[in-house]
Amino acid sequence: MDFEKVGRSRMMMRLPRHRKQISDANFLAINALLGAYGQAAVKRDELREQRTPDPTLMAEYEDLCQKLEDDIIRILASVSPRMVR
């Protein structure tokens, strides 16, 4: 599974105002964060689908996804237009 693509798609849905910027951003830092976000979001969704998910693990993935979203937003806010395709 291409977690970077999954993460990019999910962030574009989460942040519609930044959709174009997320779509066009293609540099190592953002690609790595989007990949990590994609992987964490898939795992979080798998946990959500379980009948009785481990609440500690669920909280960890919820927190991780939020932190990655915050990091992606922070990078997008500080990125130079030259860093975008």
C-alpha atoms as a PDB file:
ATOM      1  CA  MET A   1       0.000   0.000   0.000  1.00  0.00           C
ATOM      2  CA  ASP A   2       1.290   3.464  -0.895  1.00  0.00           C
ATOM      3  CA  PHE A   3       0.892   5.191   2.477  1.00  0.00           C
ATOM      4  CA  GLU A   4       2.131   8.530   1.141  1.00  0.00           C
ATOM      5  CA  LYS A   5      -0.669   8.534  -1.429  1.00  0.00           C
ATOM      6  CA  VAL A   6      -3.203   7.470   1.222  1.00  0.00           C
ATOM      7  CA  GLY A   7      -1.984  10.188   3.601  1.00  0.00           C
ATOM      8  CA  ARG A   8      -2.018  12.853   0.899  1.00  0.00           C
ATOM      9  CA  SER A   9      -5.589  11.947  -0.106  1.00  0.00           C
ATOM     10  CA  ARG A  10      -6.833  11.916   3.480  1.00  0.00           C
ATOM     11  CA  MET A  11      -5.169  15.244   4.306  1.00  0.00           C
ATOM     12  CA  MET A  12      -6.702  16.790   1.199  1.00  0.00           C
ATOM     13  CA  MET A  13     -10.120  15.709   2.501  1.00  0.00           C
ATOM     14  CA  ARG A  14      -9.350  16.907   6.058  1.00  0.00           C
ATOM     15  CA  LEU A  15      -8.026  20.282   4.889  1.00  0.00           C
ATOM     16  CA  PRO A  16      -9.992  21.357   1.811  1.00  0.00           C
ATOM     17  CA  ARG A  17      -8.580  24.911   1.979  1.00  0.00           C
ATOM     18  CA  HIS A  18      -5.094  23.460   1.517  1.00  0.00           C
ATOM     19  CA  ARG A  19      -6.064  20.817  -1.052  1.00  0.00           C
ATOM     20  CA  LYS A  20      -4.042  22.291  -3.935  1.00  0.00           C
ATOM     21  CA  GLN A  21      -1.010  22.952  -1.766  1.00  0.00           C
ATOM     22  CA  ILE A  22      -1.090  19.377  -0.397  1.00  0.00           C
ATOM     23  CA  SER A  23      -1.546  17.971  -3.876  1.00  0.00           C
ATOM     24  CA  ASP A  24       1.368  19.966  -5.291  1.00  0.00           C
ATOM     25  CA  ALA A  25       3.821  19.678  -2.381  1.00  0.00           C
ATOM     26  CA  ASN A  26       6.570  17.240  -3.269  1.00  0.00           C
ATOM     27  CA  PHE A  27       9.593  17.407  -1.005  1.00  0.00           C
ATOM     28  CA  LEU A  28      11.142  14.951   1.405  1.00  0.00           C
ATOM     29  CA  ALA A  29       9.772  16.338   4.685  1.00  0.00           C
ATOM     30  CA  ILE A  30       6.143  16.571   3.569  1.00  0.00           C
ATOM     31  CA  ASN A  31       6.275  13.254   1.728  1.00  0.00           C
ATOM     32  CA  ALA A  32       7.584  11.508   4.856  1.00  0.00           C
ATOM     33  CA  LEU A  33       4.900  13.095   7.058  1.00  0.00           C
ATOM     34  CA  LEU A  34       2.153  12.200   4.602  1.00  0.00           C
ATOM     35  CA  GLY A  35       3.405   8.610   4.500  1.00  0.00           C
ATOM     36  CA  ALA A  36       3.464   8.386   8.281  1.00  0.00           C
ATOM     37  CA  TYR A  37       0.009   9.946   8.458  1.00  0.00           C
ATOM     38  CA  GLY A  38      -1.350   7.492   5.897  1.00  0.00           C
ATOM     39  CA  GLN A  39       0.002   4.532   7.831  1.00  0.00           C
ATOM     40  CA  ALA A  40      -1.276   5.830  11.190  1.00  0.00           C
ATOM     41  CA  ALA A  41      -4.702   6.707   9.760  1.00  0.00           C
ATOM     42  CA  VAL A  42      -5.131   3.239   8.241  1.00  0.00           C
ATOM     43  CA  LYS A  43      -4.232   1.605  11.568  1.00  0.00           C
ATOM     44  CA  ARG A  44      -6.554   3.983  13.449  1.00  0.00           C
ATOM     45  CA  ASP A  45      -9.399   3.096  11.102  1.00  0.00           C
ATOM     46  CA  GLU A  46      -8.721  -0.618  11.560  1.00  0.00           C
ATOM     47  CA  LEU A  47      -8.925  -0.132  15.325  1.00  0.00           C
ATOM     48  CA  ARG A  48     -12.172   1.838  14.980  1.00  0.00           C
ATOM     49  CA  GLU A  49     -13.712  -1.067  13.083  1.00  0.00           C
ATOM     50  CA  GLN A  50     -12.938  -3.576  15.834  1.00  0.00           C
ATOM     51  CA  ARG A  51     -15.809  -4.578  18.057  1.00  0.00           C
ATOM     52  CA  THR A  52     -13.833  -3.824  21.249  1.00  0.00           C
ATOM     53  CA  PRO A  53     -10.627  -1.942  20.415  1.00  0.00           C
ATOM     54  CA  ASP A  54      -7.936  -1.489  23.033  1.00  0.00           C
ATOM     55  CA  PRO A  55      -8.737   2.015  24.390  1.00  0.00           C
ATOM     56  CA  THR A  56      -5.081   2.783  25.116  1.00  0.00           C
ATOM     57  CA  LEU A  57      -3.960   1.833  21.622  1.00  0.00           C
ATOM     58  CA  MET A  58      -6.902   3.686  20.110  1.00  0.00           C
ATOM     59  CA  ALA A  59      -5.992   6.843  22.045  1.00  0.00           C
ATOM     60  CA  GLU A  60      -2.363   6.525  20.929  1.00  0.00           C
ATOM     61  CA  TYR A  61      -3.334   6.404  17.259  1.00  0.00           C
ATOM     62  CA  GLU A  62      -5.855   9.229  17.608  1.00  0.00           C
ATOM     63  CA  ASP A  63      -3.137  11.354  19.235  1.00  0.00           C
ATOM     64  CA  LEU A  64      -0.528  10.353  16.643  1.00  0.00           C
ATOM     65  CA  CYS A  65      -2.820  11.250  13.753  1.00  0.00           C
ATOM     66  CA  GLN A  66      -3.594  14.628  15.316  1.00  0.00           C
ATOM     67  CA  LYS A  67       0.091  15.387  15.879  1.00  0.00           C
ATOM     68  CA  LEU A  68       0.945  14.446  12.293  1.00  0.00           C
ATOM     69  CA  GLU A  69      -1.903  16.636  11.018  1.00  0.00           C
ATOM     70  CA  ASP A  70      -0.569  19.526  13.110  1.00  0.00           C
ATOM     71  CA  ASP A  71       2.963  18.982  11.771  1.00  0.00           C
ATOM     72  CA  ILE A  72       1.720  18.882   8.172  1.00  0.00           C
ATOM     73  CA  ILE A  73      -0.250  22.105   8.679  1.00  0.00           C
ATOM     74  CA  ARG A  74       2.800  23.762  10.247  1.00  0.00           C
ATOM     75  CA  ILE A  75       5.006  22.777   7.311  1.00  0.00           C
ATOM     76  CA  LEU A  76       2.436  23.908   4.763  1.00  0.00           C
ATOM     77  CA  ALA A  77       2.212  27.290   6.468  1.00  0.00           C
ATOM     78  CA  SER A  78       5.947  27.790   6.289  1.00  0.00           C
ATOM     79  CA  VAL A  79       6.722  26.301   2.881  1.00  0.00           C
ATOM     80  CA  SER A  80       8.081  28.483   0.142  1.00  0.00           C
ATOM     81  CA  PRO A  81       6.215  28.437  -3.179  1.00  0.00           C
ATOM     82  CA  ARG A  82       9.472  27.181  -4.718  1.00  0.00           C
ATOM     83  CA  MET A  83       9.069  23.930  -2.760  1.00  0.00           C
ATOM     84  CA  VAL A  84       5.835  23.174  -4.584  1.00  0.00           C
ATOM     85  CA  ARG A  85       5.922  21.547  -8.022  1.00  0.00           C
END
